[in-house]
Amino acid sequence: MRGRKTSLCVILTLEERSQLEQLLRCTTTSLGLARRCRAILEVANGLPLVHVARLVDLTGKHVRKWVQRFLRERLEG
């Protein structure tokens, strides 16, 4: 897989992964929140930020911001 390695590494607990996946599947979850959940899950799966940004149809800058916020605040962020 191409793309630069990022210094941001997301390691999810089983509970966090479960909650993110549940939010992603829920039909009442807003599009923005669903994108954030998918981005965090994909980064946790090892995808580079550039690829994740393409998957969620946003810029790498946004994905990086969301990952940094998640690392600081976890699910509360």
N, C-alpha and C. Protein backbone atom coordinates (compact mmCIF):
# COMPACT_ATOMS: atom_id res chain seq x y z
N MET A 1 0.85 -1.16 0.00
CA MET A 1 0.00 0.00 0.00
C MET A 1 0.89 1.23 0.00
N ARG A 2 0.64 2.16 -0.88
CA ARG A 2 1.44 3.37 -0.99
C ARG A 2 0.93 4.44 -0.05
N GLY A 3 1.76 5.40 0.20
CA GLY A 3 1.41 6.49 1.10
C GLY A 3 2.45 6.58 2.19
N ARG A 4 2.69 7.79 2.64
CA ARG A 4 3.68 7.98 3.70
C ARG A 4 3.19 7.42 5.01
N LYS A 5 4.12 6.94 5.78
CA LYS A 5 3.78 6.49 7.13
C LYS A 5 3.48 7.71 7.98
N THR A 6 2.48 7.59 8.82
CA THR A 6 2.12 8.68 9.71
C THR A 6 2.62 8.38 11.11
N SER A 7 2.88 9.44 11.84
CA SER A 7 3.30 9.25 13.23
C SER A 7 2.09 9.02 14.13
N LEU A 8 0.90 9.18 13.56
CA LEU A 8 -0.33 8.98 14.33
C LEU A 8 -0.72 7.51 14.29
N CYS A 9 -0.77 6.91 15.44
CA CYS A 9 -1.11 5.50 15.53
C CYS A 9 -2.31 5.35 16.46
N VAL A 10 -3.39 4.81 15.93
CA VAL A 10 -4.60 4.63 16.72
C VAL A 10 -4.72 3.16 17.10
N ILE A 11 -4.76 2.91 18.38
CA ILE A 11 -5.00 1.56 18.88
C ILE A 11 -6.30 1.60 19.67
N LEU A 12 -7.28 0.88 19.17
CA LEU A 12 -8.62 0.90 19.77
C LEU A 12 -8.80 -0.25 20.75
N THR A 13 -9.52 0.02 21.82
CA THR A 13 -9.95 -1.08 22.69
C THR A 13 -11.11 -1.78 21.99
N LEU A 14 -11.44 -2.97 22.43
CA LEU A 14 -12.58 -3.68 21.85
C LEU A 14 -13.86 -2.88 22.00
N GLU A 15 -14.03 -2.24 23.15
CA GLU A 15 -15.23 -1.43 23.39
C GLU A 15 -15.30 -0.23 22.45
N GLU A 16 -14.16 0.46 22.26
CA GLU A 16 -14.14 1.61 21.36
C GLU A 16 -14.46 1.19 19.93
N ARG A 17 -13.83 0.09 19.49
CA ARG A 17 -14.09 -0.40 18.13
C ARG A 17 -15.56 -0.74 17.96
N SER A 18 -16.11 -1.41 18.95
CA SER A 18 -17.52 -1.80 18.90
C SER A 18 -18.43 -0.57 18.81
N GLN A 19 -18.15 0.44 19.62
CA GLN A 19 -18.98 1.65 19.61
C GLN A 19 -18.86 2.40 18.29
N LEU A 20 -17.65 2.50 17.75
CA LEU A 20 -17.47 3.17 16.46
C LEU A 20 -18.19 2.42 15.34
N GLU A 21 -18.08 1.10 15.34
CA GLU A 21 -18.77 0.30 14.32
C GLU A 21 -20.28 0.42 14.45
N GLN A 22 -20.77 0.46 15.68
CA GLN A 22 -22.21 0.61 15.90
C GLN A 22 -22.70 1.97 15.37
N LEU A 23 -21.96 3.02 15.66
CA LEU A 23 -22.33 4.35 15.15
C LEU A 23 -22.31 4.38 13.63
N LEU A 24 -21.35 3.69 13.05
CA LEU A 24 -21.22 3.66 11.59
C LEU A 24 -22.41 2.95 10.94
N ARG A 25 -22.91 1.90 11.59
CA ARG A 25 -24.03 1.13 11.04
C ARG A 25 -25.39 1.78 11.30
N CYS A 26 -25.49 2.61 12.31
CA CYS A 26 -26.77 3.19 12.72
C CYS A 26 -27.28 4.16 11.64
N THR A 27 -28.52 3.99 11.23
CA THR A 27 -29.08 4.82 10.16
C THR A 27 -29.39 6.24 10.61
N THR A 28 -29.42 6.49 11.92
CA THR A 28 -29.72 7.83 12.40
C THR A 28 -28.46 8.64 12.71
N THR A 29 -27.29 8.06 12.51
CA THR A 29 -26.03 8.77 12.73
C THR A 29 -25.84 9.81 11.63
N SER A 30 -25.45 11.01 12.00
CA SER A 30 -25.23 12.06 11.00
C SER A 30 -24.07 11.67 10.08
N LEU A 31 -24.08 12.23 8.88
CA LEU A 31 -23.05 11.91 7.89
C LEU A 31 -21.66 12.29 8.42
N GLY A 32 -21.56 13.44 9.05
CA GLY A 32 -20.26 13.88 9.58
C GLY A 32 -19.71 12.93 10.63
N LEU A 33 -20.57 12.50 11.54
CA LEU A 33 -20.13 11.57 12.58
C LEU A 33 -19.77 10.21 11.98
N ALA A 34 -20.54 9.76 11.00
CA ALA A 34 -20.24 8.49 10.33
C ALA A 34 -18.88 8.56 9.63
N ARG A 35 -18.59 9.69 8.99
CA ARG A 35 -17.29 9.86 8.34
C ARG A 35 -16.16 9.81 9.36
N ARG A 36 -16.35 10.47 10.48
CA ARG A 36 -15.31 10.46 11.52
C ARG A 36 -15.09 9.06 12.06
N CYS A 37 -16.17 8.33 12.28
CA CYS A 37 -16.05 6.95 12.77
C CYS A 37 -15.29 6.09 11.77
N ARG A 38 -15.66 6.20 10.50
CA ARG A 38 -14.99 5.39 9.48
C ARG A 38 -13.51 5.76 9.38
N ALA A 39 -13.22 7.05 9.45
CA ALA A 39 -11.83 7.49 9.36
C ALA A 39 -11.00 6.92 10.50
N ILE A 40 -11.51 6.99 11.71
CA ILE A 40 -10.78 6.46 12.88
C ILE A 40 -10.59 4.96 12.74
N LEU A 41 -11.63 4.25 12.32
CA LEU A 41 -11.52 2.80 12.16
C LEU A 41 -10.49 2.43 11.10
N GLU A 42 -10.48 3.14 9.98
CA GLU A 42 -9.53 2.82 8.91
C GLU A 42 -8.09 3.14 9.31
N VAL A 43 -7.89 4.24 10.02
CA VAL A 43 -6.53 4.55 10.51
C VAL A 43 -6.10 3.48 11.51
N ALA A 44 -7.01 3.05 12.36
CA ALA A 44 -6.69 1.99 13.32
C ALA A 44 -6.36 0.68 12.61
N ASN A 45 -6.93 0.48 11.41
CA ASN A 45 -6.64 -0.72 10.62
C ASN A 45 -5.32 -0.61 9.87
N GLY A 46 -4.66 0.56 9.95
CA GLY A 46 -3.35 0.71 9.36
C GLY A 46 -3.29 1.43 8.03
N LEU A 47 -4.41 1.96 7.55
CA LEU A 47 -4.39 2.68 6.28
C LEU A 47 -3.74 4.06 6.46
N PRO A 48 -2.97 4.51 5.47
CA PRO A 48 -2.39 5.86 5.53
C PRO A 48 -3.49 6.92 5.49
N LEU A 49 -3.21 8.07 6.07
CA LEU A 49 -4.20 9.15 6.13
C LEU A 49 -4.69 9.56 4.75
N VAL A 50 -3.80 9.56 3.76
CA VAL A 50 -4.19 9.95 2.39
C VAL A 50 -5.26 9.01 1.85
N HIS A 51 -5.11 7.73 2.07
CA HIS A 51 -6.10 6.75 1.59
C HIS A 51 -7.41 6.88 2.36
N VAL A 52 -7.30 7.10 3.65
CA VAL A 52 -8.51 7.28 4.47
C VAL A 52 -9.26 8.52 4.00
N ALA A 53 -8.53 9.59 3.73
CA ALA A 53 -9.16 10.83 3.26
C ALA A 53 -9.95 10.59 1.98
N ARG A 54 -9.39 9.81 1.08
CA ARG A 54 -10.12 9.49 -0.17
C ARG A 54 -11.37 8.66 0.12
N LEU A 55 -11.26 7.71 1.03
CA LEU A 55 -12.41 6.87 1.37
C LEU A 55 -13.57 7.66 1.94
N VAL A 56 -13.26 8.65 2.78
CA VAL A 56 -14.33 9.43 3.41
C VAL A 56 -14.60 10.73 2.66
N ASP A 57 -13.95 10.91 1.52
CA ASP A 57 -14.18 12.04 0.62
C ASP A 57 -13.90 13.39 1.30
N LEU A 58 -12.75 13.47 1.97
CA LEU A 58 -12.32 14.71 2.61
C LEU A 58 -10.82 14.87 2.43
N THR A 59 -10.29 15.95 2.96
CA THR A 59 -8.85 16.19 2.84
C THR A 59 -8.09 15.47 3.95
N GLY A 60 -6.83 15.24 3.70
CA GLY A 60 -5.98 14.63 4.71
C GLY A 60 -5.87 15.48 5.96
N LYS A 61 -5.97 16.80 5.77
CA LYS A 61 -5.91 17.73 6.91
C LYS A 61 -7.06 17.47 7.89
N HIS A 62 -8.26 17.24 7.36
CA HIS A 62 -9.41 16.95 8.21
C HIS A 62 -9.24 15.62 8.94
N VAL A 63 -8.79 14.62 8.21
CA VAL A 63 -8.61 13.30 8.83
C VAL A 63 -7.56 13.38 9.93
N ARG A 64 -6.46 14.07 9.67
CA ARG A 64 -5.41 14.23 10.68
C ARG A 64 -5.97 14.92 11.93
N LYS A 65 -6.78 15.95 11.73
CA LYS A 65 -7.38 16.67 12.87
C LYS A 65 -8.27 15.74 13.68
N TRP A 66 -9.08 14.94 13.00
CA TRP A 66 -9.98 14.01 13.71
C TRP A 66 -9.20 12.96 14.48
N VAL A 67 -8.13 12.44 13.86
CA VAL A 67 -7.31 11.43 14.54
C VAL A 67 -6.63 12.04 15.76
N GLN A 68 -6.08 13.23 15.61
CA GLN A 68 -5.44 13.88 16.76
C GLN A 68 -6.45 14.13 17.88
N ARG A 69 -7.65 14.56 17.52
CA ARG A 69 -8.68 14.79 18.53
C ARG A 69 -9.07 13.48 19.21
N PHE A 70 -9.19 12.41 18.42
CA PHE A 70 -9.53 11.11 19.00
C PHE A 70 -8.44 10.65 19.97
N LEU A 71 -7.19 10.84 19.59
CA LEU A 71 -6.09 10.43 20.46
C LEU A 71 -6.07 11.22 21.77
N ARG A 72 -6.49 12.48 21.73
CA ARG A 72 -6.55 13.31 22.94
C ARG A 72 -7.75 12.97 23.81
N GLU A 73 -8.92 12.85 23.16
CA GLU A 73 -10.18 12.78 23.91
C GLU A 73 -10.90 11.44 23.81
N ARG A 74 -10.38 10.55 22.99
CA ARG A 74 -10.99 9.24 22.74
C ARG A 74 -12.43 9.43 22.25
N LEU A 75 -13.38 8.63 22.69
CA LEU A 75 -14.75 8.68 22.16
C LEU A 75 -15.48 9.98 22.52
N GLU A 76 -15.08 10.63 23.59
CA GLU A 76 -15.74 11.87 23.98
C GLU A 76 -15.49 12.99 22.97
N GLY A 77 -14.38 12.89 22.21
CA GLY A 77 -14.03 13.93 21.24
C GLY A 77 -14.78 13.78 19.98
